[in-house]
C-alpha atoms as a PDB file:
ATOM      1  CA  UNK A   1      46.256-223.914  44.707  1.00  0.00           C
ATOM      2  CA  UNK A   2      45.173-221.259  42.219  1.00  0.00           C
ATOM      3  CA  UNK A   3      41.722-222.904  41.908  1.00  0.00           C
ATOM      4  CA  UNK A   4      41.210-222.756  45.683  1.00  0.00           C
ATOM      5  CA  UNK A   5      42.387-219.144  45.753  1.00  0.00           C
ATOM      6  CA  UNK A   6      39.977-218.234  42.937  1.00  0.00           C
ATOM      7  CA  UNK A   7      37.098-220.014  44.696  1.00  0.00           C
ATOM      8  CA  UNK A   8      37.735-218.169  47.968  1.00  0.00           C
ATOM      9  CA  UNK A   9      38.147-214.853  46.152  1.00  0.00           C
ATOM     10  CA  UNK A  10      34.931-215.347  44.129  1.00  0.00           C
ATOM     11  CA  UNK A  11      32.888-216.378  47.192  1.00  0.00           C
ATOM     12  CA  UNK A  12      34.092-213.944  49.843  1.00  0.00           C
ATOM     13  CA  UNK A  13      30.644-213.071  51.176  1.00  0.00           C
ATOM     14  CA  UNK A  14      29.554-216.706  51.479  1.00  0.00           C
ATOM     15  CA  UNK A  15      32.855-217.615  53.157  1.00  0.00           C
ATOM     16  CA  UNK A  16      33.026-214.552  55.418  1.00  0.00           C
ATOM     17  CA  UNK A  17      32.948-216.737  58.546  1.00  0.00           C
ATOM     18  CA  UNK A  18      35.137-219.502  57.144  1.00  0.00           C
ATOM     19  CA  UNK A  19      38.842-220.011  57.649  1.00  0.00           C
ATOM     20  CA  UNK A  20      40.699-221.954  54.980  1.00  0.00           C
ATOM     21  CA  UNK A  21      43.891-223.847  55.836  1.00  0.00           C
ATOM     22  CA  UNK A  22      46.063-225.388  53.135  1.00  0.00           C
ATOM     23  CA  UNK A  23      48.201-228.427  53.926  1.00  0.00           C
ATOM     24  CA  UNK A  24      50.862-230.050  51.825  1.00  0.00           C
ATOM     25  CA  UNK A  25      51.779-233.709  52.000  1.00  0.00           C
ATOM     26  CA  UNK A  26      53.599-234.423  55.195  1.00  0.00           C
ATOM     27  CA  UNK A  27      53.814-237.500  57.360  1.00  0.00           C
ATOM     28  CA  UNK A  28      52.223-237.211  60.805  1.00  0.00           C
ATOM     29  CA  UNK A  29      52.889-240.199  63.016  1.00  0.00           C
ATOM     30  CA  UNK A  30      51.776-241.118  66.472  1.00  0.00           C
ATOM     31  CA  UNK A  31      54.211-242.594  68.951  1.00  0.00           C
ATOM     32  CA  UNK A  32      53.221-246.009  67.595  1.00  0.00           C
ATOM     33  CA  UNK A  33      54.203-245.075  64.047  1.00  0.00           C
ATOM     34  CA  UNK A  34      50.651-244.991  62.682  1.00  0.00           C
ATOM     35  CA  UNK A  35      49.450-242.187  60.423  1.00  0.00           C
ATOM     36  CA  UNK A  36      46.490-240.101  61.562  1.00  0.00           C
ATOM     37  CA  UNK A  37      46.351-236.984  59.363  1.00  0.00           C
ATOM     38  CA  UNK A  38      42.699-236.384  60.268  1.00  0.00           C
ATOM     39  CA  UNK A  39      43.710-235.807  63.906  1.00  0.00           C
ATOM     40  CA  UNK A  40      46.302-233.265  62.790  1.00  0.00           C
ATOM     41  CA  UNK A  41      43.730-231.489  60.597  1.00  0.00           C
ATOM     42  CA  UNK A  42      41.096-231.461  63.362  1.00  0.00           C
ATOM     43  CA  UNK A  43      43.565-230.159  65.951  1.00  0.00           C
ATOM     44  CA  UNK A  44      44.799-227.438  63.597  1.00  0.00           C
ATOM     45  CA  UNK A  45      41.232-226.312  62.972  1.00  0.00           C
ATOM     46  CA  UNK A  46      40.531-226.259  66.729  1.00  0.00           C
ATOM     47  CA  UNK A  47      43.715-224.271  67.412  1.00  0.00           C
ATOM     48  CA  UNK A  48      42.595-221.554  64.994  1.00  0.00           C
ATOM     49  CA  UNK A  49      38.972-221.431  66.155  1.00  0.00           C
ATOM     50  CA  UNK A  50      37.918-218.088  67.555  1.00  0.00           C
ATOM     51  CA  UNK A  51      34.420-219.057  68.701  1.00  0.00           C
ATOM     52  CA  UNK A  52      33.089-219.980  72.107  1.00  0.00           C
ATOM     53  CA  UNK A  53      31.798-223.392  71.079  1.00  0.00           C
ATOM     54  CA  UNK A  54      32.684-225.922  68.392  1.00  0.00           C
ATOM     55  CA  UNK A  55      30.624-228.703  66.849  1.00  0.00           C
ATOM     56  CA  UNK A  56      32.706-231.370  65.132  1.00  0.00           C
ATOM     57  CA  UNK A  57      30.871-233.517  62.618  1.00  0.00           C
ATOM     58  CA  UNK A  58      31.920-236.279  60.253  1.00  0.00           C
ATOM     59  CA  UNK A  59      31.761-235.516  56.565  1.00  0.00           C
ATOM     60  CA  UNK A  60      28.789-237.843  56.151  1.00  0.00           C
ATOM     61  CA  UNK A  61      26.802-236.164  58.949  1.00  0.00           C
ATOM     62  CA  UNK A  62      24.192-233.599  57.980  1.00  0.00           C
ATOM     63  CA  UNK A  63      22.454-231.427  60.545  1.00  0.00           C
ATOM     64  CA  UNK A  64      18.866-230.329  60.141  1.00  0.00           C
ATOM     65  CA  UNK A  65      17.981-226.793  59.032  1.00  0.00           C
ATOM     66  CA  UNK A  66      17.338-225.566  62.566  1.00  0.00           C
ATOM     67  CA  UNK A  67      20.357-227.123  64.266  1.00  0.00           C
ATOM     68  CA  UNK A  68      22.363-223.904  64.656  1.00  0.00           C
ATOM     69  CA  UNK A  69      19.449-221.919  66.098  1.00  0.00           C
ATOM     70  CA  UNK A  70      18.409-224.868  68.257  1.00  0.00           C
ATOM     71  CA  UNK A  71      21.874-225.256  69.772  1.00  0.00           C
ATOM     72  CA  UNK A  72      22.139-221.496  70.398  1.00  0.00           C
ATOM     73  CA  UNK A  73      18.746-221.534  72.135  1.00  0.00           C
ATOM     74  CA  UNK A  74      19.688-224.596  74.207  1.00  0.00           C
ATOM     75  CA  UNK A  75      22.899-222.938  75.399  1.00  0.00           C
ATOM     76  CA  UNK A  76      21.078-219.682  76.177  1.00  0.00           C
ATOM     77  CA  UNK A  77      18.217-221.296  78.117  1.00  0.00           C
ATOM     78  CA  UNK A  78      19.715-224.356  79.839  1.00  0.00           C
ATOM     79  CA  UNK A  79      22.157-223.412  82.598  1.00  0.00           C
ATOM     80  CA  UNK A  80      23.408-226.991  83.043  1.00  0.00           C
ATOM     81  CA  UNK A  81      24.253-227.275  79.334  1.00  0.00           C
ATOM     82  CA  UNK A  82      25.974-223.858  79.352  1.00  0.00           C
ATOM     83  CA  UNK A  83      27.952-224.729  82.499  1.00  0.00           C
ATOM     84  CA  UNK A  84      29.003-228.076  81.002  1.00  0.00           C
ATOM     85  CA  UNK A  85      30.184-226.501  77.761  1.00  0.00           C
ATOM     86  CA  UNK A  86      31.969-223.668  79.572  1.00  0.00           C
ATOM     87  CA  UNK A  87      33.796-226.305  81.637  1.00  0.00           C
ATOM     88  CA  UNK A  88      34.920-228.246  78.580  1.00  0.00           C
ATOM     89  CA  UNK A  89      32.533-231.152  79.043  1.00  0.00           C
ATOM     90  CA  UNK A  90      32.112-233.131  75.841  1.00  0.00           C
ATOM     91  CA  UNK A  91      28.551-233.392  74.610  1.00  0.00           C
ATOM     92  CA  UNK A  92      27.517-235.937  72.007  1.00  0.00           C
ATOM     93  CA  UNK A  93      24.666-235.037  69.680  1.00  0.00           C
ATOM     94  CA  UNK A  94      22.288-237.874  68.814  1.00  0.00           C
ATOM     95  CA  UNK A  95      22.346-238.981  65.191  1.00  0.00           C
ATOM     96  CA  UNK A  96      19.354-240.173  63.217  1.00  0.00           C
ATOM     97  CA  UNK A  97      19.156-241.991  59.939  1.00  0.00           C
ATOM     98  CA  UNK A  98      16.286-241.404  57.543  1.00  0.00           C
ATOM     99  CA  UNK A  99      14.954-244.475  55.820  1.00  0.00           C
ATOM    100  CA  UNK A 100      11.927-245.006  53.633  1.00  0.00           C
ATOM    101  CA  UNK A 101      10.112-246.118  56.797  1.00  0.00           C
ATOM    102  CA  UNK A 102      10.907-242.953  58.740  1.00  0.00           C
ATOM    103  CA  UNK A 103      13.807-242.022  60.946  1.00  0.00           C
ATOM    104  CA  UNK A 104      15.597-244.274  63.385  1.00  0.00           C
ATOM    105  CA  UNK A 105      18.088-243.384  66.085  1.00  0.00           C
ATOM    106  CA  UNK A 106      21.600-244.688  65.451  1.00  0.00           C
ATOM    107  CA  UNK A 107      23.696-246.233  68.177  1.00  0.00           C
ATOM    108  CA  UNK A 108      22.393-247.042  71.638  1.00  0.00           C
END
């Protein structure tokens, strides 16, 4: 814990818009008895979010350099997108994989 505290203390400016939550080992079970700690962590993060919009990404997903500005511009200029987000409509961002032959779209 002291290492995390020192890291946060030493990087306050970089982490100025970051909230850090610490969890200790605890069993979280669904009604079927299965463990899903990632759901608990995601829901805790969402409960403490104080922004208008949230983008949830897997740890192996990397956005491009302009993703933040592009999403802000899309929300500001596209009324249908803004309405959908304001009405809690889920939007899925397309994912691409870079290969030595160029990029290819993943999924359908």
